[in-house]
Amino acid sequence: MEVKILKVVRQGEAFSVQSSKNEAGSIQKCNIVLKELGGKFENEYVCAMLGNLAACRFYEGDVVMATLRFSTHEYQGQTFQEILVTDVVKLK
Protein backbone atom coordinates (compact mmCIF):
# COMPACT_ATOMS: atom_id res chain seq x y z
CA MET A 1 0.00 0.00 0.00
CA GLU A 2 1.06 3.52 -0.65
CA VAL A 3 0.05 6.80 1.04
CA LYS A 4 -0.13 9.81 -1.27
CA ILE A 5 -1.28 13.41 -1.15
CA LEU A 6 -3.54 13.90 -4.18
CA LYS A 7 -6.05 16.26 -5.73
CA VAL A 8 -9.58 15.11 -6.58
CA VAL A 9 -10.35 15.37 -10.31
CA ARG A 10 -13.87 13.90 -10.11
CA GLN A 11 -15.97 11.38 -8.23
CA GLY A 12 -18.86 9.28 -9.47
CA GLU A 13 -22.04 8.31 -7.66
CA ALA A 14 -22.09 5.29 -5.37
CA PHE A 15 -23.73 2.13 -6.72
CA SER A 16 -24.28 -1.40 -5.46
CA VAL A 17 -22.13 -4.33 -6.65
CA GLN A 18 -22.23 -8.03 -5.81
CA SER A 19 -19.78 -9.17 -3.16
CA SER A 20 -19.20 -12.66 -1.85
CA LYS A 21 -17.31 -11.13 1.11
CA ASN A 22 -20.36 -9.26 2.44
CA GLU A 23 -23.17 -11.05 4.30
CA ALA A 24 -25.81 -9.07 2.40
CA GLY A 25 -24.32 -10.19 -0.91
CA SER A 26 -23.65 -6.65 -2.13
CA ILE A 27 -21.53 -3.63 -1.23
CA GLN A 28 -21.52 0.05 -2.17
CA LYS A 29 -18.82 1.18 -4.61
CA CYS A 30 -17.90 4.47 -6.21
CA ASN A 31 -15.09 5.49 -8.54
CA ILE A 32 -12.88 8.49 -7.95
CA VAL A 33 -10.13 10.02 -10.09
CA LEU A 34 -7.15 11.34 -8.11
CA LYS A 35 -4.16 13.28 -9.45
CA GLU A 36 -0.70 13.85 -8.04
CA LEU A 37 0.15 17.44 -7.14
CA GLY A 38 2.58 19.41 -9.25
CA GLY A 39 1.18 20.26 -12.63
CA LYS A 40 -0.98 19.57 -15.63
CA PHE A 41 0.72 16.32 -16.67
CA GLU A 42 1.09 14.58 -13.29
CA ASN A 43 -0.01 10.96 -12.80
CA GLU A 44 -3.74 10.28 -12.40
CA TYR A 45 -5.32 7.26 -10.76
CA VAL A 46 -8.82 5.87 -11.34
CA CYS A 47 -9.65 4.27 -8.00
CA ALA A 48 -12.51 2.43 -6.34
CA MET A 49 -13.86 3.21 -2.88
CA LEU A 50 -15.91 0.45 -1.23
CA GLY A 51 -18.37 0.21 1.67
CA ASN A 52 -18.52 3.22 3.98
CA LEU A 53 -15.86 5.06 1.95
CA ALA A 54 -18.19 4.99 -1.07
CA ALA A 55 -20.58 7.26 0.86
CA CYS A 56 -17.87 9.93 1.40
CA ARG A 57 -18.22 12.89 -0.98
CA PHE A 58 -15.26 14.79 -2.35
CA TYR A 59 -15.30 17.57 -4.89
CA GLU A 60 -13.06 18.69 -7.74
CA GLY A 61 -9.99 20.43 -6.35
CA ASP A 62 -10.19 18.89 -2.85
CA VAL A 63 -6.76 17.87 -1.59
CA VAL A 64 -6.76 14.50 0.15
CA MET A 65 -4.33 12.09 1.75
CA ALA A 66 -5.20 8.59 0.57
CA THR A 67 -3.91 5.08 1.09
CA LEU A 68 -3.96 3.24 -2.23
CA ARG A 69 -3.72 -0.53 -2.69
CA PHE A 70 -2.54 -1.61 -6.14
CA SER A 71 -3.43 -5.12 -7.31
CA THR A 72 -4.04 -7.14 -10.47
CA HIS A 73 -6.46 -9.90 -11.33
CA GLU A 74 -7.11 -12.11 -14.29
CA TYR A 75 -10.55 -12.45 -15.91
CA GLN A 76 -11.32 -14.41 -19.06
CA GLY A 77 -7.66 -14.53 -20.06
CA GLN A 78 -7.04 -10.79 -19.59
CA THR A 79 -5.13 -9.09 -16.77
CA PHE A 80 -6.56 -5.98 -15.11
CA GLN A 81 -5.05 -3.56 -12.61
CA GLU A 82 -7.17 -2.32 -9.74
CA ILE A 83 -6.51 0.59 -7.41
CA LEU A 84 -8.48 0.56 -4.18
CA VAL A 85 -8.67 3.49 -1.78
CA THR A 86 -8.46 1.90 1.67
CA ASP A 87 -8.42 5.17 3.65
CA VAL A 88 -8.87 8.80 2.69
CA VAL A 89 -8.80 12.09 4.63
CA LYS A 90 -9.56 15.55 3.24
CA LEU A 91 -6.79 18.05 4.02
CA LYS A 92 -7.68 21.62 4.90
PDB file of N, CA and C in Angstrom:
ATOM      1  N   MET A   1       0.840  -1.180   0.000  1.00  0.00           N
ATOM      2  CA  MET A   1       0.000   0.000   0.000  1.00  0.00           C
ATOM      3  C   MET A   1       0.883   1.240   0.000  1.00  0.00           C
ATOM      4  N   GLU A   2       0.316   2.283  -0.507  1.00  0.00           N
ATOM      5  CA  GLU A   2       1.062   3.518  -0.655  1.00  0.00           C
ATOM      6  C   GLU A   2       0.198   4.692  -0.192  1.00  0.00           C
ATOM      7  N   VAL A   3       0.769   5.604   0.596  1.00  0.00           N
ATOM      8  CA  VAL A   3       0.054   6.797   1.041  1.00  0.00           C
ATOM      9  C   VAL A   3       0.512   7.961   0.175  1.00  0.00           C
ATOM     10  N   LYS A   4      -0.446   8.696  -0.377  1.00  0.00           N
ATOM     11  CA  LYS A   4      -0.128   9.809  -1.268  1.00  0.00           C
ATOM     12  C   LYS A   4      -1.001  11.008  -0.935  1.00  0.00           C
ATOM     13  N   ILE A   5      -0.477  12.197  -1.207  1.00  0.00           N
ATOM     14  CA  ILE A   5      -1.284  13.412  -1.153  1.00  0.00           C
ATOM     15  C   ILE A   5      -1.678  13.717  -2.585  1.00  0.00           C
ATOM     16  N   LEU A   6      -2.991  13.806  -2.827  1.00  0.00           N
ATOM     17  CA  LEU A   6      -3.536  13.895  -4.182  1.00  0.00           C
ATOM     18  C   LEU A   6      -4.642  14.933  -4.258  1.00  0.00           C
ATOM     19  N   LYS A   7      -4.952  15.345  -5.482  1.00  0.00           N
ATOM     20  CA  LYS A   7      -6.054  16.262  -5.728  1.00  0.00           C
ATOM     21  C   LYS A   7      -7.184  15.501  -6.412  1.00  0.00           C
ATOM     22  N   VAL A   8      -8.414  15.760  -5.993  1.00  0.00           N
ATOM     23  CA  VAL A   8      -9.581  15.106  -6.580  1.00  0.00           C
ATOM     24  C   VAL A   8      -9.873  15.740  -7.937  1.00  0.00           C
ATOM     25  N   VAL A   9      -9.973  14.917  -8.968  1.00  0.00           N
ATOM     26  CA  VAL A   9     -10.353  15.375 -10.309  1.00  0.00           C
ATOM     27  C   VAL A   9     -11.862  15.265 -10.472  1.00  0.00           C
ATOM     28  N   ARG A  10     -12.419  14.099 -10.087  1.00  0.00           N
ATOM     29  CA  ARG A  10     -13.871  13.904 -10.107  1.00  0.00           C
ATOM     30  C   ARG A  10     -14.218  12.641  -9.345  1.00  0.00           C
ATOM     31  N   GLN A  11     -15.477  12.553  -8.939  1.00  0.00           N
ATOM     32  CA  GLN A  11     -15.966  11.379  -8.227  1.00  0.00           C
ATOM     33  C   GLN A  11     -17.342  11.025  -8.757  1.00  0.00           C
ATOM     34  N   GLY A  12     -17.567   9.746  -8.998  1.00  0.00           N
ATOM     35  CA  GLY A  12     -18.861   9.275  -9.469  1.00  0.00           C
ATOM     36  C   GLY A  12     -19.802   8.995  -8.311  1.00  0.00           C
ATOM     37  N   GLU A  13     -21.033   8.663  -8.652  1.00  0.00           N
ATOM     38  CA  GLU A  13     -22.041   8.312  -7.655  1.00  0.00           C
ATOM     39  C   GLU A  13     -21.815   6.886  -7.162  1.00  0.00           C
ATOM     40  N   ALA A  14     -22.195   6.636  -5.936  1.00  0.00           N
ATOM     41  CA  ALA A  14     -22.088   5.291  -5.372  1.00  0.00           C
ATOM     42  C   ALA A  14     -23.150   4.385  -6.000  1.00  0.00           C
ATOM     43  N   PHE A  15     -22.789   3.117  -6.188  1.00  0.00           N
ATOM     44  CA  PHE A  15     -23.729   2.131  -6.715  1.00  0.00           C
ATOM     45  C   PHE A  15     -23.451   0.796  -6.034  1.00  0.00           C
ATOM     46  N   SER A  16     -24.378  -0.110  -6.129  1.00  0.00           N
ATOM     47  CA  SER A  16     -24.278  -1.398  -5.461  1.00  0.00           C
ATOM     48  C   SER A  16     -23.669  -2.441  -6.397  1.00  0.00           C
ATOM     49  N   VAL A  17     -22.736  -3.244  -5.883  1.00  0.00           N
ATOM     50  CA  VAL A  17     -22.127  -4.335  -6.646  1.00  0.00           C
ATOM     51  C   VAL A  17     -22.197  -5.612  -5.820  1.00  0.00           C
ATOM     52  N   GLN A  18     -22.203  -6.749  -6.504  1.00  0.00           N
ATOM     53  CA  GLN A  18     -22.228  -8.026  -5.814  1.00  0.00           C
ATOM     54  C   GLN A  18     -20.900  -8.271  -5.113  1.00  0.00           C
ATOM     55  N   SER A  19     -20.989  -8.863  -3.911  1.00  0.00           N
ATOM     56  CA  SER A  19     -19.783  -9.173  -3.156  1.00  0.00           C
ATOM     57  C   SER A  19     -19.991 -10.450  -2.368  1.00  0.00           C
ATOM     58  N   SER A  20     -19.118 -11.410  -2.596  1.00  0.00           N
ATOM     59  CA  SER A  20     -19.197 -12.664  -1.845  1.00  0.00           C
ATOM     60  C   SER A  20     -18.620 -12.498  -0.436  1.00  0.00           C
ATOM     61  N   LYS A  21     -17.923 -11.388  -0.194  1.00  0.00           N
ATOM     62  CA  LYS A  21     -17.305 -11.134   1.109  1.00  0.00           C
ATOM     63  C   LYS A  21     -18.270 -10.471   2.091  1.00  0.00           C
ATOM     64  N   ASN A  22     -19.393  -9.947   1.592  1.00  0.00           N
ATOM     65  CA  ASN A  22     -20.356  -9.256   2.440  1.00  0.00           C
ATOM     66  C   ASN A  22     -21.547 -10.166   2.695  1.00  0.00           C
ATOM     67  N   GLU A  23     -22.041 -10.191   3.939  1.00  0.00           N
ATOM     68  CA  GLU A  23     -23.172 -11.051   4.300  1.00  0.00           C
ATOM     69  C   GLU A  23     -24.424 -10.736   3.484  1.00  0.00           C
ATOM     70  N   ALA A  24     -24.624  -9.473   3.165  1.00  0.00           N
ATOM     71  CA  ALA A  24     -25.807  -9.069   2.402  1.00  0.00           C
ATOM     72  C   ALA A  24     -25.693  -9.438   0.923  1.00  0.00           C
ATOM     73  N   GLY A  25     -24.520  -9.802   0.480  1.00  0.00           N
ATOM     74  CA  GLY A  25     -24.319 -10.189  -0.908  1.00  0.00           C
ATOM     75  C   GLY A  25     -23.998  -9.038  -1.842  1.00  0.00           C
ATOM     76  N   SER A  26     -24.012  -7.803  -1.310  1.00  0.00           N
ATOM     77  CA  SER A  26     -23.654  -6.647  -2.133  1.00  0.00           C
ATOM     78  C   SER A  26     -22.951  -5.608  -1.257  1.00  0.00           C
ATOM     79  N   ILE A  27     -22.267  -4.688  -1.923  1.00  0.00           N
ATOM     80  CA  ILE A  27     -21.534  -3.633  -1.235  1.00  0.00           C
ATOM     81  C   ILE A  27     -21.603  -2.371  -2.082  1.00  0.00           C
ATOM     82  N   GLN A  28     -21.522  -1.217  -1.447  1.00  0.00           N
ATOM     83  CA  GLN A  28     -21.518   0.054  -2.169  1.00  0.00           C
ATOM     84  C   GLN A  28     -20.125   0.303  -2.740  1.00  0.00           C
ATOM     85  N   LYS A  29     -20.083   0.873  -3.935  1.00  0.00           N
ATOM     86  CA  LYS A  29     -18.821   1.180  -4.609  1.00  0.00           C
ATOM     87  C   LYS A  29     -18.971   2.509  -5.327  1.00  0.00           C
ATOM     88  N   CYS A  30     -17.922   3.293  -5.344  1.00  0.00           N
ATOM     89  CA  CYS A  30     -17.903   4.473  -6.208  1.00  0.00           C
ATOM     90  C   CYS A  30     -16.489   4.630  -6.749  1.00  0.00           C
ATOM     91  N   ASN A  31     -16.388   5.247  -7.899  1.00  0.00           N
ATOM     92  CA  ASN A  31     -15.095   5.486  -8.540  1.00  0.00           C
ATOM     93  C   ASN A  31     -14.693   6.938  -8.325  1.00  0.00           C
ATOM     94  N   ILE A  32     -13.403   7.140  -8.145  1.00  0.00           N
ATOM     95  CA  ILE A  32     -12.876   8.486  -7.945  1.00  0.00           C
ATOM     96  C   ILE A  32     -11.576   8.608  -8.738  1.00  0.00           C
ATOM     97  N   VAL A  33     -11.368   9.755  -9.340  1.00  0.00           N
ATOM     98  CA  VAL A  33     -10.131  10.023 -10.088  1.00  0.00           C
ATOM     99  C   VAL A  33      -9.299  10.982  -9.248  1.00  0.00           C
ATOM    100  N   LEU A  34      -8.072  10.555  -8.937  1.00  0.00           N
ATOM    101  CA  LEU A  34      -7.153  11.341  -8.112  1.00  0.00           C
ATOM    102  C   LEU A  34      -5.895  11.644  -8.913  1.00  0.00           C
ATOM    103  N   LYS A  35      -5.333  12.843  -8.690  1.00  0.00           N
ATOM    104  CA  LYS A  35      -4.161  13.283  -9.453  1.00  0.00           C
ATOM    105  C   LYS A  35      -3.068  13.739  -8.499  1.00  0.00           C
ATOM    106  N   GLU A  36      -1.826  13.384  -8.828  1.00  0.00           N
ATOM    107  CA  GLU A  36      -0.695  13.849  -8.040  1.00  0.00           C
ATOM    108  C   GLU A  36      -0.553  15.357  -8.173  1.00  0.00           C
ATOM    109  N   LEU A  37      -0.060  15.991  -7.125  1.00  0.00           N
ATOM    110  CA  LEU A  37       0.149  17.437  -7.145  1.00  0.00           C
ATOM    111  C   LEU A  37       1.375  17.781  -7.977  1.00  0.00           C
ATOM    112  N   GLY A  38       1.378  18.971  -8.554  1.00  0.00           N
ATOM    113  CA  GLY A  38       2.578  19.414  -9.248  1.00  0.00           C
ATOM    114  C   GLY A  38       2.352  20.065 -10.587  1.00  0.00           C
ATOM    115  N   GLY A  39       1.359  19.647 -11.324  1.00  0.00           N
ATOM    116  CA  GLY A  39       1.177  20.260 -12.634  1.00  0.00           C
ATOM    117  C   GLY A  39       0.155  19.540 -13.471  1.00  0.00           C
ATOM    118  N   LYS A  40       0.030  20.038 -14.689  1.00  0.00           N
ATOM    119  CA  LYS A  40      -0.982  19.568 -15.627  1.00  0.00           C
ATOM    120  C   LYS A  40      -0.796  18.111 -16.039  1.00  0.00           C
ATOM    121  N   PHE A  41       0.441  17.643 -16.123  1.00  0.00           N
ATOM    122  CA  PHE A  41       0.717  16.317 -16.672  1.00  0.00           C
ATOM    123  C   PHE A  41       1.133  15.296 -15.611  1.00  0.00           C
ATOM    124  N   GLU A  42       0.752  15.518 -14.357  1.00  0.00           N
ATOM    125  CA  GLU A  42       1.095  14.575 -13.293  1.00  0.00           C
ATOM    126  C   GLU A  42       0.265  13.297 -13.427  1.00  0.00           C
ATOM    127  N   ASN A  43       0.685  12.243 -12.752  1.00  0.00           N
ATOM    128  CA  ASN A  43      -0.009  10.959 -12.798  1.00  0.00           C
ATOM    129  C   ASN A  43      -1.421  11.072 -12.237  1.00  0.00           C
ATOM    130  N   GLU A  44      -2.365  10.371 -12.876  1.00  0.00           N
ATOM    131  CA  GLU A  44      -3.739  10.282 -12.399  1.00  0.00           C
ATOM    132  C   GLU A  44      -4.056   8.824 -12.126  1.00  0.00           C
ATOM    133  N   TYR A  45      -4.930   8.597 -11.151  1.00  0.00           N
ATOM    134  CA  TYR A  45      -5.321   7.257 -10.760  1.00  0.00           C
ATOM    135  C   TYR A  45      -6.846   7.164 -10.744  1.00  0.00           C
ATOM    136  N   VAL A  46      -7.396   6.161 -11.416  1.00  0.00           N
ATOM    137  CA  VAL A  46      -8.825   5.872 -11.339  1.00  0.00           C
ATOM    138  C   VAL A  46      -8.962   4.799 -10.273  1.00  0.00           C
ATOM    139  N   CYS A  47      -9.606   5.139  -9.177  1.00  0.00           N
ATOM    140  CA  CYS A  47      -9.648   4.273  -7.997  1.00  0.00           C
ATOM    141  C   CYS A  47     -11.081   3.914  -7.643  1.00  0.00           C
ATOM    142  N   ALA A  48     -11.221   2.844  -6.882  1.00  0.00           N
ATOM    143  CA  ALA A  48     -12.511   2.434  -6.339  1.00  0.00           C
ATOM    144  C   ALA A  48     -12.504   2.682  -4.840  1.00  0.00           C
ATOM    145  N   MET A  49     -13.647   3.106  -4.319  1.00  0.00           N
ATOM    146  CA  MET A  49     -13.864   3.207  -2.882  1.00  0.00           C
ATOM    147  C   MET A  49     -15.050   2.300  -2.563  1.00  0.00           C
ATOM    148  N   LEU A  50     -14.896   1.447  -1.553  1.00  0.00           N
ATOM    149  CA  LEU A  50     -15.909   0.449  -1.227  1.00  0.00           C
ATOM    150  C   LEU A  50     -16.507   0.687   0.154  1.00  0.00           C
ATOM    151  N   GLY A  51     -17.725   0.169   0.357  1.00  0.00           N
ATOM    152  CA  GLY A  51     -18.374   0.207   1.669  1.00  0.00           C
ATOM    153  C   GLY A  51     -18.645   1.621   2.147  1.00  0.00           C
ATOM    154  N   ASN A  52     -18.271   1.904   3.398  1.00  0.00           N
ATOM    155  CA  ASN A  52     -18.516   3.223   3.985  1.00  0.00           C
ATOM    156  C   ASN A  52     -17.774   4.338   3.254  1.00  0.00           C
ATOM    157  N   LEU A  53     -16.611   4.033   2.693  1.00  0.00           N
ATOM    158  CA  LEU A  53     -15.861   5.056   1.950  1.00  0.00           C
ATOM    159  C   LEU A  53     -16.624   5.517   0.714  1.00  0.00           C
ATOM    160  N   ALA A  54     -17.430   4.627   0.127  1.00  0.00           N
ATOM    161  CA  ALA A  54     -18.194   4.986  -1.070  1.00  0.00           C
ATOM    162  C   ALA A  54     -19.212   6.084  -0.781  1.00  0.00           C
ATOM    163  N   ALA A  55     -19.609   6.229   0.482  1.00  0.00           N
ATOM    164  CA  ALA A  55     -20.583   7.259   0.860  1.00  0.00           C
ATOM    165  C   ALA A  55     -19.920   8.616   1.080  1.00  0.00           C
ATOM    166  N   CYS A  56     -18.587   8.658   1.203  1.00  0.00           N
ATOM    167  CA  CYS A  56     -17.873   9.926   1.400  1.00  0.00           C
ATOM    168  C   CYS A  56     -17.902  10.738   0.102  1.00  0.00           C
ATOM    169  N   ARG A  57     -18.165  12.022   0.208  1.00  0.00           N
ATOM    170  CA  ARG A  57     -18.218  12.886  -0.979  1.00  0.00           C
ATOM    171  C   ARG A  57     -17.032  13.830  -0.983  1.00  0.00           C
ATOM    172  N   PHE A  58     -16.347  13.856  -2.118  1.00  0.00           N
ATOM    173  CA  PHE A  58     -15.258  14.791  -2.346  1.00  0.00           C
ATOM    174  C   PHE A  58     -15.560  15.539  -3.631  1.00  0.00           C
ATOM    175  N   TYR A  59     -14.986  16.716  -3.755  1.00  0.00           N
ATOM    176  CA  TYR A  59     -15.296  17.574  -4.890  1.00  0.00           C
ATOM    177  C   TYR A  59     -14.026  17.954  -5.637  1.00  0.00           C
ATOM    178  N   GLU A  60     -14.189  18.305  -6.898  1.00  0.00           N
ATOM    179  CA  GLU A  60     -13.064  18.687  -7.743  1.00  0.00           C
ATOM    180  C   GLU A  60     -12.216  19.738  -7.040  1.00  0.00           C
ATOM    181  N   GLY A  61     -10.917  19.488  -6.975  1.00  0.00           N
ATOM    182  CA  GLY A  61      -9.994  20.426  -6.345  1.00  0.00           C
ATOM    183  C   GLY A  61      -9.698  20.126  -4.887  1.00  0.00           C
ATOM    184  N   ASP A  62     -10.502  19.277  -4.228  1.00  0.00           N
ATOM    185  CA  ASP A  62     -10.195  18.886  -2.847  1.00  0.00           C
ATOM    186  C   ASP A  62      -8.828  18.215  -2.811  1.00  0.00           C
ATOM    187  N   VAL A  63      -8.043  18.528  -1.793  1.00  0.00           N
ATOM    188  CA  VAL A  63      -6.757  17.867  -1.591  1.00  0.00           C
ATOM    189  C   VAL A  63      -6.953  16.835  -0.495  1.00  0.00           C
ATOM    190  N   VAL A  64      -6.548  15.599  -0.780  1.00  0.00           N
ATOM    191  CA  VAL A  64      -6.757  14.498   0.155  1.00  0.00           C
ATOM    192  C   VAL A  64      -5.464  13.724   0.371  1.00  0.00           C
ATOM    193  N   MET A  65      -5.379  13.061   1.509  1.00  0.00           N
ATOM    194  CA  MET A  65      -4.330  12.091   1.752  1.00  0.00           C
ATOM    195  C   MET A  65      -5.008  10.734   1.690  1.00  0.00           C
ATOM    196  N   ALA A  66      -4.540   9.870   0.799  1.00  0.00           N
ATOM    197  CA  ALA A  66      -5.204   8.595   0.572  1.00  0.00           C
ATOM    198  C   ALA A  66      -4.208   7.448   0.601  1.00  0.00           C
ATOM    199  N   THR A  67      -4.673   6.327   1.137  1.00  0.00           N
ATOM    200  CA  THR A  67      -3.910   5.085   1.089  1.00  0.00           C
ATOM    201  C   THR A  67      -4.445   4.275  -0.082  1.00  0.00           C
ATOM    202  N   LEU A  68      -3.572   3.957  -1.031  1.00  0.00           N
ATOM    203  CA  LEU A  68      -3.961   3.237  -2.235  1.00  0.00           C
ATOM    204  C   LEU A  68      -3.373   1.829  -2.206  1.00  0.00           C
ATOM    205  N   ARG A  69      -4.200   0.851  -2.570  1.00  0.00           N
ATOM    206  CA  ARG A  69      -3.721  -0.530  -2.692  1.00  0.00           C
ATOM    207  C   ARG A  69      -3.785  -0.911  -4.165  1.00  0.00           C
ATOM    208  N   PHE A  70      -2.646  -1.233  -4.739  1.00  0.00           N
ATOM    209  CA  PHE A  70      -2.539  -1.613  -6.143  1.00  0.00           C
ATOM    210  C   PHE A  70      -2.557  -3.139  -6.237  1.00  0.00           C
ATOM    211  N   SER A  71      -3.386  -3.673  -7.131  1.00  0.00           N
ATOM    212  CA  SER A  71      -3.431  -5.123  -7.313  1.00  0.00           C
ATOM    213  C   SER A  71      -3.807  -5.425  -8.763  1.00  0.00           C
ATOM    214  N   THR A  72      -3.630  -6.684  -9.143  1.00  0.00           N
ATOM    215  CA  THR A  72      -4.041  -7.138 -10.466  1.00  0.00           C
ATOM    216  C   THR A  72      -4.874  -8.401 -10.307  1.00  0.00           C
ATOM    217  N   HIS A  73      -5.711  -8.648 -11.300  1.00  0.00           N
ATOM    218  CA  HIS A  73      -6.456  -9.903 -11.330  1.00  0.00           C
ATOM    219  C   HIS A  73      -6.663 -10.307 -12.781  1.00  0.00           C
ATOM    220  N   GLU A  74      -6.895 -11.578 -12.960  1.00  0.00           N
ATOM    221  CA  GLU A  74      -7.113 -12.107 -14.290  1.00  0.00           C
ATOM    222  C   GLU A  74      -8.582 -12.466 -14.455  1.00  0.00           C
ATOM    223  N   TYR A  75      -9.152 -12.136 -15.612  1.00  0.00           N
ATOM    224  CA  TYR A  75     -10.546 -12.451 -15.911  1.00  0.00           C
ATOM    225  C   TYR A  75     -10.658 -12.770 -17.390  1.00  0.00           C
ATOM    226  N   GLN A  76     -11.134 -13.948 -17.692  1.00  0.00           N
ATOM    227  CA  GLN A  76     -11.316 -14.415 -19.059  1.00  0.00           C
ATOM    228  C   GLN A  76     -10.064 -14.206 -19.908  1.00  0.00           C
ATOM    229  N   GLY A  77      -8.916 -14.578 -19.331  1.00  0.00           N
ATOM    230  CA  GLY A  77      -7.658 -14.529 -20.061  1.00  0.00           C
ATOM    231  C   GLY A  77      -7.016 -13.162 -20.162  1.00  0.00           C
ATOM    232  N   GLN A  78      -7.621 -12.132 -19.563  1.00  0.00           N
ATOM    233  CA  GLN A  78      -7.036 -10.792 -19.589  1.00  0.00           C
ATOM    234  C   GLN A  78      -6.642 -10.383 -18.179  1.00  0.00           C
ATOM    235  N   THR A  79      -5.597  -9.579 -18.062  1.00  0.00           N
ATOM    236  CA  THR A  79      -5.128  -9.093 -16.772  1.00  0.00           C
ATOM    237  C   THR A  79      -5.550  -7.641 -16.601  1.00  0.00           C
ATOM    238  N   PHE A  80      -6.091  -7.326 -15.420  1.00  0.00           N
ATOM    239  CA  PHE A  80      -6.565  -5.983 -15.106  1.00  0.00           C
ATOM    240  C   PHE A  80      -5.876  -5.481 -13.849  1.00  0.00           C
ATOM    241  N   GLN A  81      -5.593  -4.186 -13.818  1.00  0.00           N
ATOM    242  CA  GLN A  81      -5.055  -3.561 -12.611  1.00  0.00           C
ATOM    243  C   GLN A  81      -6.190  -2.868 -11.882  1.00  0.00           C
ATOM    244  N   GLU A  82      -6.187  -3.000 -10.565  1.00  0.00           N
ATOM    245  CA  GLU A  82      -7.173  -2.320  -9.738  1.00  0.00           C
ATOM    246  C   GLU A  82      -6.443  -1.445  -8.735  1.00  0.00           C
ATOM    247  N   ILE A  83      -7.030  -0.285  -8.454  1.00  0.00           N
ATOM    248  CA  ILE A  83      -6.505   0.586  -7.412  1.00  0.00           C
ATOM    249  C   ILE A  83      -7.653   0.835  -6.445  1.00  0.00           C
ATOM    250  N   LEU A  84      -7.457   0.443  -5.203  1.00  0.00           N
ATOM    251  CA  LEU A  84      -8.481   0.561  -4.182  1.00  0.00           C
ATOM    252  C   LEU A  84      -8.046   1.595  -3.159  1.00  0.00           C
ATOM    253  N   VAL A  85      -8.920   2.540  -2.857  1.00  0.00           N
ATOM    254  CA  VAL A  85      -8.674   3.490  -1.776  1.00  0.00           C
ATOM    255  C   VAL A  85      -9.093   2.801  -0.486  1.00  0.00           C
ATOM    256  N   THR A  86      -8.133   2.569   0.414  1.00  0.00           N
ATOM    257  CA  THR A  86      -8.460   1.896   1.666  1.00  0.00           C
ATOM    258  C   THR A  86      -8.677   2.878   2.808  1.00  0.00           C
ATOM    259  N   ASP A  87      -8.193   4.118   2.663  1.00  0.00           N
ATOM    260  CA  ASP A  87      -8.416   5.171   3.646  1.00  0.00           C
ATOM    261  C   ASP A  87      -8.211   6.501   2.937  1.00  0.00           C
ATOM    262  N   VAL A  88      -9.007   7.485   3.319  1.00  0.00           N
ATOM    263  CA  VAL A  88      -8.875   8.802   2.693  1.00  0.00           C
ATOM    264  C   VAL A  88      -9.308   9.877   3.694  1.00  0.00           C
ATOM    265  N   VAL A  89      -8.527  10.966   3.734  1.00  0.00           N
ATOM    266  CA  VAL A  89      -8.804  12.085   4.630  1.00  0.00           C
ATOM    267  C   VAL A  89      -8.654  13.368   3.829  1.00  0.00           C
ATOM    268  N   LYS A  90      -9.652  14.246   3.920  1.00  0.00           N
ATOM    269  CA  LYS A  90      -9.556  15.546   3.244  1.00  0.00           C
ATOM    270  C   LYS A  90      -8.652  16.450   4.052  1.00  0.00           C
ATOM    271  N   LEU A  91      -7.699  17.111   3.370  1.00  0.00           N
ATOM    272  CA  LEU A  91      -6.787  18.053   4.019  1.00  0.00           C
ATOM    273  C   LEU A  91      -7.362  19.448   3.897  1.00  0.00           C
ATOM    274  N   LYS A  92      -7.141  20.246   4.909  1.00  0.00           N
ATOM    275  CA  LYS A  92      -7.678  21.624   4.896  1.00  0.00           C
ATOM    276  C   LYS A  92      -6.698  22.588   4.315  1.00  0.00           C
TER     277      LYS A  92
END
